[in-house]
Amino acid sequence: GVETYTEHFTPYAVCVDAASVPGIYQVNTGAQTVGPDTYYGPD
């Protein structure tokens, strides 16, 4: 924006007991490319 005053934002997390989801894990794709042109359009 171009406003002259301060804005705010708030982060959230959804949590559960670790013992109740013993198999939970995270995966990520590694670096993917955006721009200049892709199948989905420019940038």
Full PDB file with SEQRES, HELIX, SHEET, SSBOND, CRYST1, ORIGX, SCALE, CONECT and MASTER records, all heavy atoms in Angstrom:
SEQRES   1 A   43  GLY VAL GLU THR TYR THR GLU HIS PHE THR PRO TYR ALA          
SEQRES   2 A   43  VAL CYS VAL ASP ALA ALA SER VAL PRO GLY ILE TYR GLN          
SEQRES   3 A   43  VAL ASN THR GLY ALA GLN THR VAL GLY PRO ASP THR TYR          
SEQRES   4 A   43  TYR GLY PRO ASP                                              
HELIX    1 AA1 ALA A   18  SER A   20  5                                   3    
SHEET    1 AA1 2 ASP A  37  THR A  38  0                                        
SHEET    2 AA1 2 GLY A  41  PRO A  42 -1                                        
CRYST1    1.000    1.000    1.000  90.00  90.00  90.00 P 1           1          
ORIGX1      1.000000  0.000000  0.000000        0.00000                         
ORIGX2      0.000000  1.000000  0.000000        0.00000                         
ORIGX3      0.000000  0.000000  1.000000        0.00000                         
SCALE1      1.000000  0.000000  0.000000        0.00000                         
SCALE2      0.000000  1.000000  0.000000        0.00000                         
SCALE3      0.000000  0.000000  1.000000        0.00000                         
ATOM      1  N   GLY A   1       0.796  -1.216   0.000  1.00  0.00           N  
ATOM      2  CA  GLY A   1       0.000   0.000   0.000  1.00  0.00           C  
ATOM      3  C   GLY A   1       0.832   1.271   0.000  1.00  0.00           C  
ATOM      4  O   GLY A   1       2.069   1.247   0.055  1.00  0.00           O  
ATOM      5  N   VAL A   2       0.122   2.403  -0.043  1.00  0.00           N  
ATOM      6  CA  VAL A   2       0.775   3.714  -0.014  1.00  0.00           C  
ATOM      7  C   VAL A   2       0.252   4.544   1.158  1.00  0.00           C  
ATOM      8  O   VAL A   2       0.469   5.751   1.218  1.00  0.00           O  
ATOM      9  CB  VAL A   2       0.535   4.483  -1.339  1.00  0.00           C  
ATOM     10  CG1 VAL A   2       1.220   3.773  -2.488  1.00  0.00           C  
ATOM     11  CG2 VAL A   2      -0.960   4.635  -1.624  1.00  0.00           C  
ATOM     12  N   GLU A   3      -0.434   3.882   2.085  1.00  0.00           N  
ATOM     13  CA  GLU A   3      -0.952   4.599   3.253  1.00  0.00           C  
ATOM     14  C   GLU A   3       0.199   5.140   4.096  1.00  0.00           C  
ATOM     15  O   GLU A   3       1.327   4.647   4.020  1.00  0.00           O  
ATOM     16  CB  GLU A   3      -1.847   3.666   4.097  1.00  0.00           C  
ATOM     17  CG  GLU A   3      -1.107   2.542   4.797  1.00  0.00           C  
ATOM     18  CD  GLU A   3      -0.878   1.317   3.944  1.00  0.00           C  
ATOM     19  OE1 GLU A   3      -1.176   1.351   2.752  1.00  0.00           O  
ATOM     20  OE2 GLU A   3      -0.375   0.314   4.491  1.00  0.00           O  
ATOM     21  N   THR A   4      -0.080   6.132   4.895  1.00  0.00           N  
ATOM     22  CA  THR A   4       0.958   6.773   5.708  1.00  0.00           C  
ATOM     23  C   THR A   4       0.926   6.300   7.160  1.00  0.00           C  
ATOM     24  O   THR A   4       1.626   6.845   8.001  1.00  0.00           O  
ATOM     25  CB  THR A   4       0.789   8.298   5.679  1.00  0.00           C  
ATOM     26  OG1 THR A   4      -0.515   8.626   6.158  1.00  0.00           O  
ATOM     27  CG2 THR A   4       0.965   8.836   4.268  1.00  0.00           C  
ATOM     28  N   TYR A   5       0.132   5.297   7.442  1.00  0.00           N  
ATOM     29  CA  TYR A   5       0.004   4.792   8.808  1.00  0.00           C  
ATOM     30  C   TYR A   5       0.416   3.326   8.868  1.00  0.00           C  
ATOM     31  O   TYR A   5       0.539   2.646   7.843  1.00  0.00           O  
ATOM     32  CB  TYR A   5      -1.442   4.962   9.305  1.00  0.00           C  
ATOM     33  CG  TYR A   5      -2.483   4.479   8.316  1.00  0.00           C  
ATOM     34  CD1 TYR A   5      -2.872   3.143   8.261  1.00  0.00           C  
ATOM     35  CD2 TYR A   5      -3.052   5.375   7.413  1.00  0.00           C  
ATOM     36  CE1 TYR A   5      -3.799   2.715   7.342  1.00  0.00           C  
ATOM     37  CE2 TYR A   5      -3.995   4.948   6.496  1.00  0.00           C  
ATOM     38  CZ  TYR A   5      -4.368   3.611   6.460  1.00  0.00           C  
ATOM     39  OH  TYR A   5      -5.292   3.186   5.541  1.00  0.00           O  
ATOM     40  N   THR A   6       0.611   2.845  10.072  1.00  0.00           N  
ATOM     41  CA  THR A   6       1.058   1.470  10.291  1.00  0.00           C  
ATOM     42  C   THR A   6      -0.117   0.498  10.225  1.00  0.00           C  
ATOM     43  O   THR A   6      -1.180   0.747  10.794  1.00  0.00           O  
ATOM     44  CB  THR A   6       1.746   1.361  11.662  1.00  0.00           C  
ATOM     45  OG1 THR A   6       2.876   2.231  11.671  1.00  0.00           O  
ATOM     46  CG2 THR A   6       2.197  -0.065  11.939  1.00  0.00           C  
ATOM     47  N   GLU A   7       0.076  -0.615   9.535  1.00  0.00           N  
ATOM     48  CA  GLU A   7      -0.894  -1.710   9.510  1.00  0.00           C  
ATOM     49  C   GLU A   7      -0.388  -2.834  10.413  1.00  0.00           C  
ATOM     50  O   GLU A   7       0.716  -2.769  10.955  1.00  0.00           O  
ATOM     51  CB  GLU A   7      -1.097  -2.211   8.087  1.00  0.00           C  
ATOM     52  CG  GLU A   7      -1.765  -1.218   7.155  1.00  0.00           C  
ATOM     53  CD  GLU A   7      -3.239  -1.026   7.460  1.00  0.00           C  
ATOM     54  OE1 GLU A   7      -3.757  -1.680   8.392  1.00  0.00           O  
ATOM     55  OE2 GLU A   7      -3.872  -0.196   6.774  1.00  0.00           O  
ATOM     56  N   HIS A   8      -1.186  -3.892  10.561  1.00  0.00           N  
ATOM     57  CA  HIS A   8      -0.813  -5.018  11.417  1.00  0.00           C  
ATOM     58  C   HIS A   8      -1.272  -6.337  10.806  1.00  0.00           C  
ATOM     59  O   HIS A   8      -2.223  -6.368  10.023  1.00  0.00           O  
ATOM     60  CB  HIS A   8      -1.441  -4.871  12.815  1.00  0.00           C  
ATOM     61  CG  HIS A   8      -0.954  -3.671  13.564  1.00  0.00           C  
ATOM     62  ND1 HIS A   8      -1.479  -2.402  13.374  1.00  0.00           N  
ATOM     63  CD2 HIS A   8       0.045  -3.536  14.493  1.00  0.00           C  
ATOM     64  CE1 HIS A   8      -0.849  -1.542  14.148  1.00  0.00           C  
ATOM     65  NE2 HIS A   8       0.077  -2.198  14.830  1.00  0.00           N  
ATOM     66  N   PHE A   9      -0.566  -7.397  11.179  1.00  0.00           N  
ATOM     67  CA  PHE A   9      -0.984  -8.745  10.794  1.00  0.00           C  
ATOM     68  C   PHE A   9      -0.717  -9.694  11.962  1.00  0.00           C  
ATOM     69  O   PHE A   9       0.086  -9.398  12.853  1.00  0.00           O  
ATOM     70  CB  PHE A   9      -0.261  -9.217   9.527  1.00  0.00           C  
ATOM     71  CG  PHE A   9       1.217  -9.461   9.702  1.00  0.00           C  
ATOM     72  CD1 PHE A   9       1.711 -10.737   9.955  1.00  0.00           C  
ATOM     73  CD2 PHE A   9       2.128  -8.408   9.612  1.00  0.00           C  
ATOM     74  CE1 PHE A   9       3.068 -10.958  10.113  1.00  0.00           C  
ATOM     75  CE2 PHE A   9       3.491  -8.621   9.766  1.00  0.00           C  
ATOM     76  CZ  PHE A   9       3.961  -9.896  10.018  1.00  0.00           C  
ATOM     77  N   THR A  10      -1.398 -10.836  11.945  1.00  0.00           N  
ATOM     78  CA  THR A  10      -1.295 -11.798  13.039  1.00  0.00           C  
ATOM     79  C   THR A  10      -1.128 -13.211  12.483  1.00  0.00           C  
ATOM     80  O   THR A  10      -1.959 -13.658  11.686  1.00  0.00           O  
ATOM     81  CB  THR A  10      -2.554 -11.754  13.921  1.00  0.00           C  
ATOM     82  OG1 THR A  10      -2.766 -10.410  14.368  1.00  0.00           O  
ATOM     83  CG2 THR A  10      -2.414 -12.676  15.123  1.00  0.00           C  
ATOM     84  N   PRO A  11      -0.069 -13.932  12.888  1.00  0.00           N  
ATOM     85  CA  PRO A  11       0.101 -15.318  12.447  1.00  0.00           C  
ATOM     86  C   PRO A  11      -0.664 -16.296  13.343  1.00  0.00           C  
ATOM     87  O   PRO A  11      -0.929 -15.998  14.512  1.00  0.00           O  
ATOM     88  CB  PRO A  11       1.611 -15.543  12.596  1.00  0.00           C  
ATOM     89  CG  PRO A  11       1.981 -14.684  13.770  1.00  0.00           C  
ATOM     90  CD  PRO A  11       1.072 -13.474  13.703  1.00  0.00           C  
ATOM     91  N   TYR A  12      -1.007 -17.451  12.796  1.00  0.00           N  
ATOM     92  CA  TYR A  12      -1.709 -18.499  13.531  1.00  0.00           C  
ATOM     93  C   TYR A  12      -1.061 -19.853  13.274  1.00  0.00           C  
ATOM     94  O   TYR A  12      -0.473 -20.079  12.210  1.00  0.00           O  
ATOM     95  CB  TYR A  12      -3.172 -18.589  13.092  1.00  0.00           C  
ATOM     96  CG  TYR A  12      -4.009 -17.391  13.473  1.00  0.00           C  
ATOM     97  CD1 TYR A  12      -4.013 -16.244  12.698  1.00  0.00           C  
ATOM     98  CD2 TYR A  12      -4.811 -17.412  14.615  1.00  0.00           C  
ATOM     99  CE1 TYR A  12      -4.773 -15.141  13.041  1.00  0.00           C  
ATOM    100  CE2 TYR A  12      -5.583 -16.321  14.968  1.00  0.00           C  
ATOM    101  CZ  TYR A  12      -5.558 -15.182  14.175  1.00  0.00           C  
ATOM    102  OH  TYR A  12      -6.325 -14.092  14.515  1.00  0.00           O  
ATOM    103  N   ALA A  13      -1.199 -20.747  14.240  1.00  0.00           N  
ATOM    104  CA  ALA A  13      -0.780 -22.137  14.076  1.00  0.00           C  
ATOM    105  C   ALA A  13      -1.866 -23.044  14.649  1.00  0.00           C  
ATOM    106  O   ALA A  13      -2.456 -22.743  15.686  1.00  0.00           O  
ATOM    107  CB  ALA A  13       0.547 -22.403  14.779  1.00  0.00           C  
ATOM    108  N   VAL A  14      -2.120 -24.140  13.965  1.00  0.00           N  
ATOM    109  CA  VAL A  14      -3.058 -25.152  14.442  1.00  0.00           C  
ATOM    110  C   VAL A  14      -2.236 -26.319  14.989  1.00  0.00           C  
ATOM    111  O   VAL A  14      -1.420 -26.897  14.270  1.00  0.00           O  
ATOM    112  CB  VAL A  14      -3.980 -25.637  13.307  1.00  0.00           C  
ATOM    113  CG1 VAL A  14      -4.937 -26.706  13.819  1.00  0.00           C  
ATOM    114  CG2 VAL A  14      -4.754 -24.461  12.734  1.00  0.00           C  
ATOM    115  N   CYS A  15      -2.439 -26.633  16.255  1.00  0.00           N  
ATOM    116  CA  CYS A  15      -1.571 -27.577  16.961  1.00  0.00           C  
ATOM    117  C   CYS A  15      -2.377 -28.733  17.554  1.00  0.00           C  
ATOM    118  O   CYS A  15      -3.549 -28.571  17.907  1.00  0.00           O  
ATOM    119  CB  CYS A  15      -0.837 -26.867  18.099  1.00  0.00           C  
ATOM    120  SG  CYS A  15      -0.036 -25.315  17.611  1.00  0.00           S  
ATOM    121  N   VAL A  16      -1.728 -29.888  17.685  1.00  0.00           N  
ATOM    122  CA  VAL A  16      -2.297 -31.038  18.391  1.00  0.00           C  
ATOM    123  C   VAL A  16      -1.183 -31.707  19.191  1.00  0.00           C  
ATOM    124  O   VAL A  16       0.007 -31.436  18.971  1.00  0.00           O  
ATOM    125  CB  VAL A  16      -2.934 -32.061  17.420  1.00  0.00           C  
ATOM    126  CG1 VAL A  16      -4.128 -31.456  16.686  1.00  0.00           C  
ATOM    127  CG2 VAL A  16      -1.911 -32.605  16.430  1.00  0.00           C  
ATOM    128  N   ASP A  17      -1.567 -32.592  20.093  1.00  0.00           N  
ATOM    129  CA  ASP A  17      -0.571 -33.324  20.873  1.00  0.00           C  
ATOM    130  C   ASP A  17       0.258 -34.223  19.965  1.00  0.00           C  
ATOM    131  O   ASP A  17      -0.290 -35.010  19.171  1.00  0.00           O  
ATOM    132  CB  ASP A  17      -1.262 -34.177  21.943  1.00  0.00           C  
ATOM    133  CG  ASP A  17      -1.914 -33.327  23.017  1.00  0.00           C  
ATOM    134  OD1 ASP A  17      -1.518 -32.161  23.192  1.00  0.00           O  
ATOM    135  OD2 ASP A  17      -2.834 -33.847  23.698  1.00  0.00           O  
ATOM    136  N   ALA A  18       1.576 -34.132  20.098  1.00  0.00           N  
ATOM    137  CA  ALA A  18       2.468 -34.932  19.256  1.00  0.00           C  
ATOM    138  C   ALA A  18       2.230 -36.421  19.442  1.00  0.00           C  
ATOM    139  O   ALA A  18       2.298 -37.199  18.484  1.00  0.00           O  
ATOM    140  CB  ALA A  18       3.915 -34.579  19.571  1.00  0.00           C  
ATOM    141  N   ALA A  19       1.926 -36.830  20.665  1.00  0.00           N  
ATOM    142  CA  ALA A  19       1.740 -38.257  20.942  1.00  0.00           C  
ATOM    143  C   ALA A  19       0.527 -38.834  20.232  1.00  0.00           C  
ATOM    144  O   ALA A  19       0.443 -40.060  20.028  1.00  0.00           O  
ATOM    145  CB  ALA A  19       1.611 -38.486  22.447  1.00  0.00           C  
ATOM    146  N   SER A  20      -0.420 -37.968  19.849  1.00  0.00           N  
ATOM    147  CA  SER A  20      -1.634 -38.465  19.199  1.00  0.00           C  
ATOM    148  C   SER A  20      -1.494 -38.581  17.679  1.00  0.00           C  
ATOM    149  O   SER A  20      -2.383 -39.101  17.009  1.00  0.00           O  
ATOM    150  CB  SER A  20      -2.827 -37.562  19.542  1.00  0.00           C  
ATOM    151  OG  SER A  20      -2.691 -36.289  18.944  1.00  0.00           O  
ATOM    152  N   VAL A  21      -0.371 -38.090  17.136  1.00  0.00           N  
ATOM    153  CA  VAL A  21      -0.108 -38.211  15.694  1.00  0.00           C  
ATOM    154  C   VAL A  21       1.340 -38.672  15.502  1.00  0.00           C  
ATOM    155  O   VAL A  21       2.193 -37.949  14.983  1.00  0.00           O  
ATOM    156  CB  VAL A  21      -0.364 -36.879  14.951  1.00  0.00           C  
ATOM    157  CG1 VAL A  21      -1.839 -36.640  14.745  1.00  0.00           C  
ATOM    158  CG2 VAL A  21       0.260 -35.691  15.690  1.00  0.00           C  
ATOM    159  N   PRO A  22       1.652 -39.906  15.927  1.00  0.00           N  
ATOM    160  CA  PRO A  22       3.049 -40.353  15.934  1.00  0.00           C  
ATOM    161  C   PRO A  22       3.694 -40.403  14.560  1.00  0.00           C  
ATOM    162  O   PRO A  22       4.917 -40.348  14.442  1.00  0.00           O  
ATOM    163  CB  PRO A  22       2.955 -41.746  16.561  1.00  0.00           C  
ATOM    164  CG  PRO A  22       1.538 -42.181  16.331  1.00  0.00           C  
ATOM    165  CD  PRO A  22       0.721 -40.931  16.428  1.00  0.00           C  
ATOM    166  N   GLY A  23       2.896 -40.503  13.511  1.00  0.00           N  
ATOM    167  CA  GLY A  23       3.476 -40.608  12.177  1.00  0.00           C  
ATOM    168  C   GLY A  23       3.532 -39.310  11.407  1.00  0.00           C  
ATOM    169  O   GLY A  23       3.840 -39.309  10.209  1.00  0.00           O  
ATOM    170  N   ILE A  24       3.287 -38.182  12.057  1.00  0.00           N  
ATOM    171  CA  ILE A  24       3.256 -36.908  11.338  1.00  0.00           C  
ATOM    172  C   ILE A  24       4.641 -36.544  10.804  1.00  0.00           C  
ATOM    173  O   ILE A  24       5.663 -36.804  11.450  1.00  0.00           O  
ATOM    174  CB  ILE A  24       2.714 -35.793  12.258  1.00  0.00           C  
ATOM    175  CG1 ILE A  24       2.395 -34.527  11.445  1.00  0.00           C  
ATOM    176  CG2 ILE A  24       3.678 -35.491  13.395  1.00  0.00           C  
ATOM    177  CD1 ILE A  24       1.639 -33.475  12.223  1.00  0.00           C  
ATOM    178  N   TYR A  25       4.680 -35.956   9.613  1.00  0.00           N  
ATOM    179  CA  TYR A  25       5.949 -35.523   9.039  1.00  0.00           C  
ATOM    180  C   TYR A  25       5.689 -34.402   8.031  1.00  0.00           C  
ATOM    181  O   TYR A  25       4.539 -34.133   7.656  1.00  0.00           O  
ATOM    182  CB  TYR A  25       6.689 -36.681   8.365  1.00  0.00           C  
ATOM    183  CG  TYR A  25       5.941 -37.325   7.208  1.00  0.00           C  
ATOM    184  CD1 TYR A  25       6.188 -36.938   5.890  1.00  0.00           C  
ATOM    185  CD2 TYR A  25       4.990 -38.312   7.432  1.00  0.00           C  
ATOM    186  CE1 TYR A  25       5.514 -37.520   4.833  1.00  0.00           C  
ATOM    187  CE2 TYR A  25       4.301 -38.907   6.390  1.00  0.00           C  
ATOM    188  CZ  TYR A  25       4.561 -38.510   5.084  1.00  0.00           C  
ATOM    189  OH  TYR A  25       3.881 -39.084   4.038  1.00  0.00           O  
ATOM    190  N   GLN A  26       6.755 -33.747   7.603  1.00  0.00           N  
ATOM    191  CA  GLN A  26       6.669 -32.655   6.640  1.00  0.00           C  
ATOM    192  C   GLN A  26       7.497 -32.986   5.408  1.00  0.00           C  
ATOM    193  O   GLN A  26       8.540 -33.633   5.503  1.00  0.00           O  
ATOM    194  CB  GLN A  26       7.177 -31.351   7.262  1.00  0.00           C  
ATOM    195  CG  GLN A  26       6.390 -30.897   8.484  1.00  0.00           C  
ATOM    196  CD  GLN A  26       7.043 -29.724   9.191  1.00  0.00           C  
ATOM    197  OE1 GLN A  26       8.066 -29.197   8.740  1.00  0.00           O  
ATOM    198  NE2 GLN A  26       6.478 -29.315  10.319  1.00  0.00           N  
ATOM    199  N   VAL A  27       7.019 -32.539   4.260  1.00  0.00           N  
ATOM    200  CA  VAL A  27       7.776 -32.694   3.014  1.00  0.00           C  
ATOM    201  C   VAL A  27       7.796 -31.345   2.299  1.00  0.00           C  
ATOM    202  O   VAL A  27       6.923 -30.503   2.511  1.00  0.00           O  
ATOM    203  CB  VAL A  27       7.172 -33.759   2.083  1.00  0.00           C  
ATOM    204  CG1 VAL A  27       7.219 -35.133   2.738  1.00  0.00           C  
ATOM    205  CG2 VAL A  27       5.735 -33.413   1.707  1.00  0.00           C  
ATOM    206  N   ASN A  28       8.806 -31.120   1.472  1.00  0.00           N  
ATOM    207  CA  ASN A  28       8.815 -29.937   0.619  1.00  0.00           C  
ATOM    208  C   ASN A  28       9.411 -30.271  -0.734  1.00  0.00           C  
ATOM    209  O   ASN A  28      10.147 -31.252  -0.886  1.00  0.00           O  
ATOM    210  CB  ASN A  28       9.537 -28.769   1.288  1.00  0.00           C  
ATOM    211  CG  ASN A  28      11.031 -28.926   1.307  1.00  0.00           C  
ATOM    212  OD1 ASN A  28      11.699 -28.691   0.303  1.00  0.00           O  
ATOM    213  ND2 ASN A  28      11.578 -29.320   2.452  1.00  0.00           N  
ATOM    214  N   THR A  29       9.067 -29.468  -1.708  1.00  0.00           N  
ATOM    215  CA  THR A  29       9.448 -29.756  -3.088  1.00  0.00           C  
ATOM    216  C   THR A  29      10.887 -29.381  -3.407  1.00  0.00           C  
ATOM    217  O   THR A  29      11.408 -29.781  -4.451  1.00  0.00           O  
ATOM    218  CB  THR A  29       8.552 -28.964  -4.051  1.00  0.00           C  
ATOM    219  OG1 THR A  29       8.690 -27.561  -3.770  1.00  0.00           O  
ATOM    220  CG2 THR A  29       7.093 -29.375  -3.899  1.00  0.00           C  
ATOM    221  N   GLY A  30      11.523 -28.589  -2.538  1.00  0.00           N  
ATOM    222  CA  GLY A  30      12.763 -27.967  -2.943  1.00  0.00           C  
ATOM    223  C   GLY A  30      12.459 -26.801  -3.866  1.00  0.00           C  
ATOM    224  O   GLY A  30      11.293 -26.467  -4.129  1.00  0.00           O  
ATOM    225  N   ALA A  31      13.466 -26.146  -4.384  1.00  0.00           N  
ATOM    226  CA  ALA A  31      13.289 -24.919  -5.157  1.00  0.00           C  
ATOM    227  C   ALA A  31      12.562 -25.165  -6.477  1.00  0.00           C  
ATOM    228  O   ALA A  31      12.961 -26.017  -7.272  1.00  0.00           O  
ATOM    229  CB  ALA A  31      14.647 -24.275  -5.415  1.00  0.00           C  
ATOM    230  N   GLN A  32      11.478 -24.411  -6.675  1.00  0.00           N  
ATOM    231  CA  GLN A  32      10.732 -24.392  -7.927  1.00  0.00           C  
ATOM    232  C   GLN A  32      10.894 -23.002  -8.558  1.00  0.00           C  
ATOM    233  O   GLN A  32      11.121 -22.012  -7.868  1.00  0.00           O  
ATOM    234  CB  GLN A  32       9.251 -24.667  -7.672  1.00  0.00           C  
ATOM    235  CG  GLN A  32       8.973 -25.953  -6.917  1.00  0.00           C  
ATOM    236  CD  GLN A  32       9.335 -27.176  -7.719  1.00  0.00           C  
ATOM    237  OE1 GLN A  32       8.865 -27.371  -8.841  1.00  0.00           O  
ATOM    238  NE2 GLN A  32      10.198 -28.024  -7.150  1.00  0.00           N  
ATOM    239  N   THR A  33      10.741 -22.916  -9.865  1.00  0.00           N  
ATOM    240  CA  THR A  33      10.988 -21.662 -10.578  1.00  0.00           C  
ATOM    241  C   THR A  33       9.689 -20.945 -10.914  1.00  0.00           C  
ATOM    242  O   THR A  33       8.718 -21.561 -11.358  1.00  0.00           O  
ATOM    243  CB  THR A  33      11.775 -21.920 -11.871  1.00  0.00           C  
ATOM    244  OG1 THR A  33      13.023 -22.534 -11.539  1.00  0.00           O  
ATOM    245  CG2 THR A  33      12.035 -20.619 -12.617  1.00  0.00           C  
ATOM    246  N   VAL A  34       9.675 -19.624 -10.691  1.00  0.00           N  
ATOM    247  CA  VAL A  34       8.583 -18.772 -11.158  1.00  0.00           C  
ATOM    248  C   VAL A  34       9.181 -17.641 -11.985  1.00  0.00           C  
ATOM    249  O   VAL A  34      10.140 -17.000 -11.579  1.00  0.00           O  
ATOM    250  CB  VAL A  34       7.738 -18.214  -9.994  1.00  0.00           C  
ATOM    251  CG1 VAL A  34       8.586 -17.482  -8.974  1.00  0.00           C  
ATOM    252  CG2 VAL A  34       6.607 -17.331 -10.518  1.00  0.00           C  
ATOM    253  N   GLY A  35       8.617 -17.407 -13.173  1.00  0.00           N  
ATOM    254  CA  GLY A  35       9.078 -16.376 -14.081  1.00  0.00           C  
ATOM    255  C   GLY A  35      10.251 -16.844 -14.946  1.00  0.00           C  
ATOM    256  O   GLY A  35      10.982 -17.745 -14.566  1.00  0.00           O  
ATOM    257  N   PRO A  36      10.401 -16.246 -16.142  1.00  0.00           N  
ATOM    258  CA  PRO A  36       9.483 -15.233 -16.658  1.00  0.00           C  
ATOM    259  C   PRO A  36       8.188 -15.806 -17.229  1.00  0.00           C  
ATOM    260  O   PRO A  36       7.125 -15.225 -17.072  1.00  0.00           O  
ATOM    261  CB  PRO A  36      10.300 -14.534 -17.740  1.00  0.00           C  
ATOM    262  CG  PRO A  36      11.251 -15.593 -18.210  1.00  0.00           C  
ATOM    263  CD  PRO A  36      11.582 -16.405 -16.997  1.00  0.00           C  
ATOM    264  N   ASP A  37       8.244 -16.934 -17.923  1.00  0.00           N  
ATOM    265  CA  ASP A  37       7.037 -17.540 -18.505  1.00  0.00           C  
ATOM    266  C   ASP A  37       6.971 -19.007 -18.131  1.00  0.00           C  
ATOM    267  O   ASP A  37       7.982 -19.718 -18.144  1.00  0.00           O  
ATOM    268  CB  ASP A  37       7.038 -17.415 -20.033  1.00  0.00           C  
ATOM    269  CG  ASP A  37       6.931 -15.987 -20.496  1.00  0.00           C  
ATOM    270  OD1 ASP A  37       6.074 -15.266 -19.966  1.00  0.00           O  
ATOM    271  OD2 ASP A  37       7.705 -15.596 -21.391  1.00  0.00           O  
ATOM    272  N   THR A  38       5.770 -19.457 -17.782  1.00  0.00           N  
ATOM    273  CA  THR A  38       5.552 -20.865 -17.486  1.00  0.00           C  
ATOM    274  C   THR A  38       4.276 -21.320 -18.185  1.00  0.00           C  
ATOM    275  O   THR A  38       3.588 -20.532 -18.839  1.00  0.00           O  
ATOM    276  CB  THR A  38       5.398 -21.117 -15.972  1.00  0.00           C  
ATOM    277  OG1 THR A  38       4.123 -20.603 -15.543  1.00  0.00           O  
ATOM    278  CG2 THR A  38       6.499 -20.447 -15.175  1.00  0.00           C  
ATOM    279  N   TYR A  39       3.951 -22.564 -18.005  1.00  0.00           N  
ATOM    280  CA  TYR A  39       2.711 -23.129 -18.544  1.00  0.00           C  
ATOM    281  C   TYR A  39       1.495 -22.343 -18.068  1.00  0.00           C  
ATOM    282  O   TYR A  39       0.490 -22.234 -18.781  1.00  0.00           O  
ATOM    283  CB  TYR A  39       2.604 -24.591 -18.102  1.00  0.00           C  
ATOM    284  CG  TYR A  39       1.278 -25.236 -18.360  1.00  0.00           C  
ATOM    285  CD1 TYR A  39       0.973 -25.771 -19.617  1.00  0.00           C  
ATOM    286  CD2 TYR A  39       0.316 -25.329 -17.352  1.00  0.00           C  
ATOM    287  CE1 TYR A  39      -0.256 -26.372 -19.848  1.00  0.00           C  
ATOM    288  CE2 TYR A  39      -0.906 -25.926 -17.581  1.00  0.00           C  
ATOM    289  CZ  TYR A  39      -1.187 -26.447 -18.826  1.00  0.00           C  
ATOM    290  OH  TYR A  39      -2.402 -27.038 -19.060  1.00  0.00           O  
ATOM    291  N   TYR A  40       1.563 -21.767 -16.861  1.00  0.00           N  
ATOM    292  CA  TYR A  40       0.420 -21.083 -16.262  1.00  0.00           C  
ATOM    293  C   TYR A  40       0.304 -19.621 -16.679  1.00  0.00           C  
ATOM    294  O   TYR A  40      -0.715 -18.984 -16.417  1.00  0.00           O  
ATOM    295  CB  TYR A  40       0.507 -21.173 -14.736  1.00  0.00           C  
ATOM    296  CG  TYR A  40       0.497 -22.596 -14.258  1.00  0.00           C  
ATOM    297  CD1 TYR A  40       1.692 -23.272 -14.006  1.00  0.00           C  
ATOM    298  CD2 TYR A  40      -0.698 -23.288 -14.076  1.00  0.00           C  
ATOM    299  CE1 TYR A  40       1.693 -24.596 -13.593  1.00  0.00           C  
ATOM    300  CE2 TYR A  40      -0.704 -24.613 -13.667  1.00  0.00           C  
ATOM    301  CZ  TYR A  40       0.495 -25.260 -13.426  1.00  0.00           C  
ATOM    302  OH  TYR A  40       0.492 -26.569 -13.022  1.00  0.00           O  
ATOM    303  N   GLY A  41       1.317 -19.075 -17.315  1.00  0.00           N  
ATOM    304  CA  GLY A  41       1.263 -17.692 -17.764  1.00  0.00           C  
ATOM    305  C   GLY A  41       2.507 -16.929 -17.365  1.00  0.00           C  
ATOM    306  O   GLY A  41       3.390 -17.453 -16.657  1.00  0.00           O  
ATOM    307  N   PRO A  42       2.619 -15.670 -17.783  1.00  0.00           N  
ATOM    308  CA  PRO A  42       3.798 -14.849 -17.449  1.00  0.00           C  
ATOM    309  C   PRO A  42       3.937 -14.647 -15.944  1.00  0.00           C  
ATOM    310  O   PRO A  42       3.006 -14.169 -15.290  1.00  0.00           O  
ATOM    311  CB  PRO A  42       3.517 -13.525 -18.169  1.00  0.00           C  
ATOM    312  CG  PRO A  42       2.530 -13.867 -19.247  1.00  0.00           C  
ATOM    313  CD  PRO A  42       1.699 -14.965 -18.690  1.00  0.00           C  
ATOM    314  N   ASP A  43       5.074 -15.041 -15.414  1.00  0.00           N  
ATOM    315  CA  ASP A  43       5.420 -14.824 -14.004  1.00  0.00           C  
ATOM    316  C   ASP A  43       4.428 -15.458 -13.036  1.00  0.00           C  
ATOM    317  O   ASP A  43       4.235 -14.996 -11.909  1.00  0.00           O  
ATOM    318  CB  ASP A  43       5.568 -13.324 -13.717  1.00  0.00           C  
ATOM    319  CG  ASP A  43       6.661 -12.695 -14.555  1.00  0.00           C  
ATOM    320  OD1 ASP A  43       7.757 -13.291 -14.634  1.00  0.00           O  
ATOM    321  OD2 ASP A  43       6.429 -11.627 -15.147  1.00  0.00           O  
TER     322      ASP A  43                                                      
MASTER        0    0    0    1    2    0    0    6  321    1    0    4          
END                                                                             
